[in-house]
Protein backbone atom coordinates (compact mmCIF):
# COMPACT_ATOMS: atom_id res chain seq x y z
CA MET A 1 34.93 -18.62 -13.60
CA ALA A 2 36.23 -19.95 -10.09
CA THR A 3 35.80 -18.68 -6.84
CA LYS A 4 37.70 -19.21 -3.59
CA ARG A 5 35.65 -20.50 -0.62
CA GLN A 6 37.54 -21.66 2.70
CA GLY A 7 40.62 -22.70 1.04
CA LYS A 8 38.86 -24.50 -1.99
CA THR A 9 38.20 -23.64 -5.48
CA ALA A 10 34.27 -23.77 -6.35
CA LYS A 11 33.16 -23.03 -9.72
CA ARG A 12 30.51 -20.36 -10.06
CA VAL A 13 27.24 -21.48 -11.36
CA THR A 14 24.80 -19.23 -13.29
CA SER A 15 21.73 -21.19 -13.73
CA LEU A 16 19.21 -22.98 -11.40
CA SER A 17 19.71 -26.09 -12.87
CA GLY A 18 23.61 -26.03 -12.45
CA LEU A 19 22.92 -25.11 -8.65
CA ALA A 20 20.34 -28.14 -8.39
CA GLU A 21 22.92 -30.41 -9.74
CA HIS A 22 25.66 -29.13 -7.44
CA VAL A 23 23.31 -29.92 -4.33
CA GLY A 24 22.02 -33.06 -5.78
CA LEU A 25 18.39 -31.90 -5.85
CA SER A 26 15.56 -31.05 -8.20
CA PRO A 27 15.37 -27.51 -9.83
CA THR A 28 11.91 -27.17 -8.37
CA THR A 29 13.10 -28.14 -4.94
CA VAL A 30 15.94 -25.22 -5.16
CA SER A 31 13.53 -22.52 -6.73
CA PHE A 32 11.16 -22.76 -3.77
CA VAL A 33 14.05 -22.68 -1.23
CA LEU A 34 15.51 -19.62 -3.06
CA ASN A 35 12.08 -18.05 -3.16
CA GLY A 36 11.45 -18.27 0.45
CA GLN A 37 8.91 -21.02 0.12
CA ALA A 38 10.72 -23.82 1.96
CA GLU A 39 8.49 -24.06 5.08
CA GLN A 40 5.37 -23.51 2.88
CA ARG A 41 6.42 -26.54 0.48
CA LYS A 42 7.35 -28.49 3.79
CA ILE A 43 11.08 -28.83 2.68
CA ALA A 44 13.21 -29.77 5.39
CA PRO A 45 15.25 -27.03 7.31
CA GLN A 46 18.68 -28.88 6.66
CA THR A 47 17.97 -29.32 2.94
CA ALA A 48 16.91 -25.62 2.55
CA LYS A 49 20.15 -24.55 4.60
CA ARG A 50 22.12 -26.96 2.28
CA VAL A 51 20.58 -24.92 -0.81
CA MET A 52 21.32 -21.44 0.70
CA ASP A 53 24.91 -22.42 1.82
CA ALA A 54 25.69 -23.82 -1.82
CA ALA A 55 24.15 -20.54 -3.39
CA LYS A 56 26.48 -18.61 -1.05
CA GLU A 57 29.36 -20.57 -1.77
CA LEU A 58 29.01 -20.44 -5.51
CA ASP A 59 28.00 -16.99 -5.64
CA TYR A 60 24.91 -17.85 -7.41
CA VAL A 61 22.76 -14.92 -8.89
CA PRO A 62 19.30 -15.84 -9.98
CA ASN A 63 18.49 -15.04 -13.79
CA VAL A 64 15.54 -12.53 -13.35
CA LEU A 65 14.75 -12.58 -16.76
CA ALA A 66 14.41 -16.34 -16.90
CA ARG A 67 12.34 -16.45 -13.79
CA GLY A 68 10.14 -13.42 -15.22
CA LEU A 69 9.21 -15.64 -18.22
CA ARG A 70 8.20 -18.53 -16.06
CA GLN A 71 6.19 -16.22 -13.71
CA LYS A 72 5.04 -13.66 -16.20
CA ARG A 73 6.34 -11.03 -13.85
CA THR A 74 9.74 -8.82 -14.15
CA GLN A 75 9.83 -7.45 -10.88
CA ALA A 76 10.39 -4.07 -12.72
CA ILE A 77 8.19 -0.98 -12.35
CA GLY A 78 8.33 2.00 -14.76
CA VAL A 79 8.51 5.39 -13.02
CA VAL A 80 7.95 8.31 -15.28
CA PHE A 81 8.70 11.82 -14.21
CA PRO A 82 8.68 15.16 -16.21
CA HIS A 83 12.12 16.17 -14.49
CA LEU A 84 14.46 15.58 -11.62
CA ARG A 85 14.85 19.07 -10.71
CA GLY A 86 14.86 20.01 -7.03
CA ASP A 87 14.00 17.40 -4.54
CA TRP A 88 10.35 16.65 -5.66
CA ALA A 89 11.23 13.39 -7.55
CA HIS A 90 13.61 12.34 -4.91
CA ARG A 91 10.96 12.58 -2.14
CA ILE A 92 8.38 10.80 -4.47
CA MET A 93 10.92 7.93 -5.02
CA LYS A 94 11.75 7.76 -1.25
CA GLY A 95 7.94 6.98 -0.79
CA ILE A 96 7.91 4.56 -3.62
CA SER A 97 10.89 2.67 -2.71
CA GLU A 98 9.58 2.27 0.95
CA VAL A 99 6.67 0.16 -0.51
CA LEU A 100 8.78 -1.53 -3.44
CA GLY A 101 11.71 -2.48 -1.42
CA SER A 102 9.37 -5.17 0.61
CA SER A 103 8.21 -6.63 -2.70
CA GLY A 104 11.39 -6.98 -4.24
CA ALA A 105 10.39 -4.92 -7.49
CA VAL A 106 12.94 -2.46 -8.89
CA PRO A 107 12.20 0.93 -10.21
CA LEU A 108 13.19 2.06 -13.88
CA ILE A 109 13.03 5.76 -13.95
CA VAL A 110 12.57 7.70 -17.17
CA CYS A 111 12.13 11.68 -17.81
CA HIS A 112 10.07 13.13 -20.71
CA HIS A 113 11.25 16.81 -19.96
CA GLY A 114 7.68 18.03 -20.67
CA SER A 115 7.67 16.38 -24.32
CA GLY A 116 4.64 14.27 -25.33
CA ASP A 117 6.65 12.69 -28.11
CA LEU A 118 9.43 11.63 -25.75
CA GLU A 119 6.85 10.26 -23.20
CA SER A 120 4.99 8.31 -25.76
CA LYS A 121 8.32 6.51 -26.78
CA LEU A 122 9.32 5.85 -23.17
CA LEU A 123 6.03 4.47 -22.21
CA ARG A 124 6.13 2.16 -25.18
CA SER A 125 9.74 1.27 -24.14
CA LEU A 126 8.70 0.24 -20.72
CA VAL A 127 5.81 -1.75 -22.02
CA GLU A 128 8.43 -3.53 -24.25
CA ARG A 129 10.54 -4.32 -21.47
CA ARG A 130 7.63 -5.83 -19.84
CA VAL A 131 7.50 -4.02 -16.78
CA ASP A 132 4.83 -5.12 -14.24
CA GLY A 133 3.23 -1.77 -13.82
CA ILE A 134 3.98 1.88 -14.48
CA LEU A 135 3.69 5.20 -12.09
CA CYS A 136 3.45 8.07 -14.40
CA ASN A 137 3.14 11.90 -13.40
CA PRO A 138 0.87 12.68 -16.48
CA LEU A 139 1.13 15.48 -19.09
CA ALA A 140 -1.97 17.40 -19.76
CA ASP A 141 -2.24 16.12 -23.28
CA GLY A 142 -1.26 12.46 -22.55
CA ALA A 143 -5.00 10.83 -22.33
CA GLU A 144 -4.25 8.90 -25.72
CA ARG A 145 -0.97 7.65 -24.50
CA TYR A 146 -2.32 6.52 -21.12
CA ARG A 147 -5.24 4.65 -22.74
CA HIS A 148 -2.72 2.70 -24.94
CA VAL A 149 -0.80 1.57 -21.84
CA LYS A 150 -4.08 0.45 -20.57
CA ASP A 151 -4.97 -1.14 -23.68
CA TRP A 152 -1.59 -2.99 -23.79
CA GLY A 153 -2.73 -4.45 -20.38
CA VAL A 154 0.00 -2.84 -18.42
CA PRO A 155 -1.35 -1.51 -14.87
CA LEU A 156 -0.95 2.25 -14.84
CA VAL A 157 -1.35 4.75 -11.86
CA LEU A 158 -1.13 8.39 -12.61
CA MET A 159 0.45 10.56 -9.88
CA GLY A 160 -0.24 14.17 -8.92
CA ASP A 161 -2.83 14.82 -11.46
CA THR A 162 -5.10 13.17 -14.42
CA PRO A 163 -6.52 14.34 -17.51
CA ARG A 164 -10.43 14.61 -17.50
CA GLY A 165 -12.34 11.75 -19.01
CA LEU A 166 -9.78 9.18 -17.50
CA ASP A 167 -12.00 7.90 -14.68
CA ASP A 168 -11.22 4.27 -15.88
CA ILE A 169 -7.60 4.89 -15.20
CA SER A 170 -6.00 4.72 -11.52
CA TYR A 171 -4.54 7.98 -10.25
CA VAL A 172 -3.20 9.29 -6.94
CA ALA A 173 -2.86 12.98 -6.20
CA TRP A 174 -2.33 15.47 -3.28
CA ASP A 175 -5.71 16.88 -1.80
CA THR A 176 -6.31 20.27 -3.44
CA SER A 177 -7.62 21.58 -0.09
CA ALA A 178 -4.08 22.71 0.33
CA VAL A 179 -4.82 25.74 -1.92
CA ALA A 180 -7.52 26.92 0.36
CA VAL A 181 -5.18 26.53 3.35
CA ALA A 182 -2.85 28.98 1.73
CA THR A 183 -5.64 31.19 0.45
CA LYS A 184 -7.46 31.27 3.88
CA HIS A 185 -4.03 32.43 5.46
CA LEU A 186 -3.89 35.42 3.25
CA ILE A 187 -7.65 36.23 3.81
CA LYS A 188 -6.98 35.77 7.69
CA LEU A 189 -4.10 38.44 7.42
CA GLY A 190 -6.67 40.78 5.86
CA HIS A 191 -6.08 40.56 2.15
CA LYS A 192 -9.28 41.37 0.02
CA ARG A 193 -7.67 41.35 -3.35
CA ILE A 194 -5.73 38.16 -4.22
CA ALA A 195 -4.64 37.13 -7.70
CA TYR A 196 -4.02 33.56 -8.61
CA LEU A 197 -1.18 32.51 -10.68
CA GLY A 198 -1.62 29.05 -12.15
CA ILE A 199 -1.15 26.80 -15.28
CA ARG A 200 -3.48 26.48 -18.06
CA ASP A 201 -4.43 22.88 -18.53
CA ASN A 202 -7.32 20.44 -18.38
CA ARG A 203 -6.07 18.09 -15.66
CA ARG A 204 -8.38 17.36 -12.71
CA ASN A 205 -6.71 18.71 -9.87
CA GLY A 206 -5.54 21.67 -11.93
CA ILE A 207 -9.21 22.69 -12.39
CA ALA A 208 -9.98 21.78 -8.74
CA SER A 209 -7.31 23.83 -7.65
CA ARG A 210 -9.02 27.11 -9.28
CA HIS A 211 -12.27 26.14 -8.00
CA MET A 212 -10.76 25.62 -4.37
CA PHE A 213 -9.35 29.17 -4.61
CA ARG A 214 -12.49 30.89 -5.90
CA ASP A 215 -14.63 28.94 -3.13
CA ALA A 216 -12.15 30.16 -0.49
CA MET A 217 -12.56 33.82 -1.63
CA GLU A 218 -16.53 33.69 -2.08
CA ASP A 219 -16.64 32.21 1.28
CA ALA A 220 -15.12 34.85 2.78
CA GLY A 221 -17.53 37.34 0.89
CA LEU A 222 -14.79 38.62 -1.40
CA GLU A 223 -14.81 39.12 -5.14
CA CYS A 224 -12.84 36.89 -7.45
CA PRO A 225 -12.72 38.72 -10.85
CA ARG A 226 -11.74 36.78 -13.85
CA ARG A 227 -8.87 39.21 -14.60
CA ASP A 228 -7.43 38.14 -11.23
CA ILE A 229 -7.18 34.51 -12.39
CA ILE A 230 -3.77 34.16 -14.53
CA LEU A 231 -3.11 31.12 -16.46
CA ASN A 232 0.04 30.30 -18.35
CA GLU A 233 1.45 27.55 -20.43
CA PRO A 234 3.92 25.30 -18.27
CA GLY A 235 7.25 26.95 -17.95
CA GLU A 236 5.99 30.36 -19.30
CA PRO A 237 7.06 33.36 -17.15
CA PHE A 238 4.44 35.48 -15.33
CA ASP A 239 6.54 38.67 -15.51
CA GLN A 240 4.47 40.79 -17.74
CA GLN A 241 1.11 39.69 -16.20
CA VAL A 242 2.45 40.49 -12.64
CA LEU A 243 3.66 43.82 -13.90
CA ARG A 244 0.31 44.78 -15.37
CA LEU A 245 -1.41 43.52 -12.14
CA LEU A 246 0.55 46.04 -10.15
CA ASP A 247 0.28 48.83 -12.64
CA ARG A 248 -3.72 48.86 -12.02
CA ASP A 249 -5.45 51.40 -10.27
CA ASP A 250 -6.68 48.87 -7.88
CA PRO A 251 -3.90 46.38 -7.61
CA PRO A 252 -3.76 43.11 -5.59
CA THR A 253 -2.32 43.09 -2.31
CA ALA A 254 -1.46 39.51 -2.29
CA LEU A 255 -0.50 36.74 -4.89
CA PHE A 256 -1.22 32.94 -4.71
CA ALA A 257 1.08 31.03 -6.84
CA LEU A 258 -0.10 27.46 -7.53
CA TYR A 259 3.52 25.94 -7.74
CA ASP A 260 6.85 26.72 -6.01
CA ASP A 261 8.91 27.60 -8.93
CA ILE A 262 6.07 30.18 -10.06
CA ALA A 263 6.64 31.95 -6.50
CA ILE A 264 10.20 31.83 -6.61
CA SER A 265 10.52 33.46 -10.12
CA VAL A 266 7.71 36.22 -9.17
CA LEU A 267 9.51 36.87 -6.00
CA GLU A 268 12.78 37.50 -7.86
CA LEU A 269 10.96 39.59 -10.52
CA LEU A 270 9.37 42.06 -7.59
CA ARG A 271 12.69 42.37 -6.03
CA SER A 272 14.35 43.14 -9.35
CA ARG A 273 11.80 46.00 -10.11
CA GLY A 274 12.13 47.34 -6.22
CA VAL A 275 8.87 45.77 -4.94
CA LYS A 276 8.97 44.95 -1.49
CA CYS A 277 7.63 41.86 -0.01
CA PRO A 278 5.48 41.59 2.07
CA GLU A 279 5.51 45.21 2.81
CA ASP A 280 4.22 46.06 -0.99
CA ILE A 281 2.68 42.61 -1.74
CA SER A 282 2.37 39.26 -0.36
CA ILE A 283 3.12 35.95 -1.90
CA ALA A 284 1.99 32.37 -0.85
CA THR A 285 2.23 28.96 -2.53
CA ILE A 286 1.90 25.27 -2.12
CA GLY A 287 4.56 22.57 -2.16
CA GLY A 288 7.31 23.21 0.13
CA ALA A 289 10.47 22.72 -2.05
CA PRO A 290 13.67 23.35 -0.16
CA LEU A 291 14.40 26.66 -1.90
CA VAL A 292 11.06 28.22 -0.97
CA SER A 293 12.26 27.84 2.68
CA ALA A 294 15.98 28.60 1.98
CA PRO A 295 17.42 31.94 3.40
CA GLY A 296 16.58 34.75 1.12
CA TYR A 297 13.46 33.26 -0.01
CA GLU A 298 11.46 31.89 3.09
CA ILE A 299 8.04 32.10 1.03
CA THR A 300 5.01 31.18 3.01
CA THR A 301 3.83 27.79 1.74
CA VAL A 302 1.95 24.64 2.47
CA LYS A 303 4.26 21.65 2.39
CA ALA A 304 3.26 18.80 0.41
CA PRO A 305 3.04 15.20 1.84
CA VAL A 306 5.26 14.20 -1.15
CA GLU A 307 6.73 11.05 0.33
CA GLU A 308 3.16 9.68 1.30
CA GLU A 309 1.82 10.43 -2.16
CA GLY A 310 4.79 8.03 -3.40
CA ARG A 311 3.93 5.39 -0.91
CA VAL A 312 0.15 5.67 -1.66
CA GLY A 313 0.78 5.57 -5.62
CA ALA A 314 3.06 2.39 -5.20
CA GLU A 315 0.70 0.51 -2.77
CA CYS A 316 -2.15 1.21 -5.43
CA LEU A 317 -0.08 -0.06 -8.42
CA LEU A 318 1.10 -3.28 -6.34
CA GLN A 319 -2.75 -3.95 -5.61
CA MET A 320 -3.60 -3.75 -9.41
CA ILE A 321 -0.53 -5.94 -10.41
CA GLU A 322 -2.03 -8.71 -7.85
CA ASN A 323 -5.50 -8.30 -8.96
CA PRO A 324 -5.68 -7.09 -12.68
CA SER A 325 -9.30 -7.63 -12.91
CA ARG A 326 -10.06 -4.78 -10.11
CA GLY A 327 -11.33 -1.58 -10.86
CA PRO A 328 -9.49 1.70 -11.05
CA ILE A 329 -8.20 3.33 -7.68
CA HIS A 330 -8.83 7.08 -7.33
CA ARG A 331 -6.87 8.50 -4.07
CA LEU A 332 -6.34 11.83 -2.66
CA VAL A 333 -3.63 12.11 -0.22
CA PRO A 334 -4.65 14.34 2.64
CA GLY A 335 -2.24 16.65 4.57
CA GLY A 336 -0.24 19.66 4.20
CA GLN A 337 1.24 21.85 6.90
CA LEU A 338 1.06 25.66 6.63
CA VAL A 339 4.68 27.22 7.04
CA VAL A 340 4.48 30.72 7.49
CA GLY A 341 7.54 32.46 5.97
CA ARG A 342 8.58 36.16 5.36
CA THR A 343 6.58 36.80 2.33
CA THR A 344 3.11 37.24 4.03
CA SER A 345 1.87 39.91 6.22
CA ALA A 346 -1.16 42.06 6.66
CA PRO A 347 -1.61 44.55 3.86
């Protein structure tokens, strides 16, 4: 293919050797220049300029696959999400991209939609494509799959949570003290009976969140009976459990929902049954998704440092890629601002 440059027709080159032949230099010298190593390799500035001008003139695009084979790096990072709903994945990717942008790595995003079988296929596909590393929001039953990735020698960082028993695999998660922030807000308002709506799983942060809630209640001298801790499978509605809570002789005056989507669905349920919030019952959650603060909802929440979680996860993964022999990295990202909405008040 030919391209027009300054009135002349120049033949586009698609290989490093073709570009080297065009400028009359060795492929090694040309490679050093294109990779920004001219000064380090003591290549004359005028020579480096000649290479860069020729690359622009000939519209040269490096063959990343060929370079990856030589360097044993593909400059590709796998990113595994459960879904792309809301803005959560977008905010995580914003943090990840800020880190990867300076490294030259490109993210390959896949979604398993809560399916362990699909996640297994996607992880294997990323490994087959020789990604340099993988960032993954883990499923509760995925321990064996994540061990396979580690056994295949691919750096892996779990984000958001991690199954128990995987201390040899790196993870980055939001500090669960955010649960205490929301719970203490309800206690400060005067609530003494607070029910917990969460997810049944064996992941480290899921367990820690329940402990954080109980500790906040006990530190305030309040009871935390087992029947006030409601755990469902992911995606399972809380409608029947919440209605049973309200029908008791001693119903809770407040609900803490572990995730935004739980809080939103419960608020809609209460309104459909004529239960006023916060006049009849208060609701608080953590996360801070846009819909939580939208008009008509305005749910009290602790806003998560999602972008920071993405940045820290990407930084940890790059450290592991650069130093494969280093041990696992475990990081909890602190932070979270309490945003008081219209769903909490004194009982």
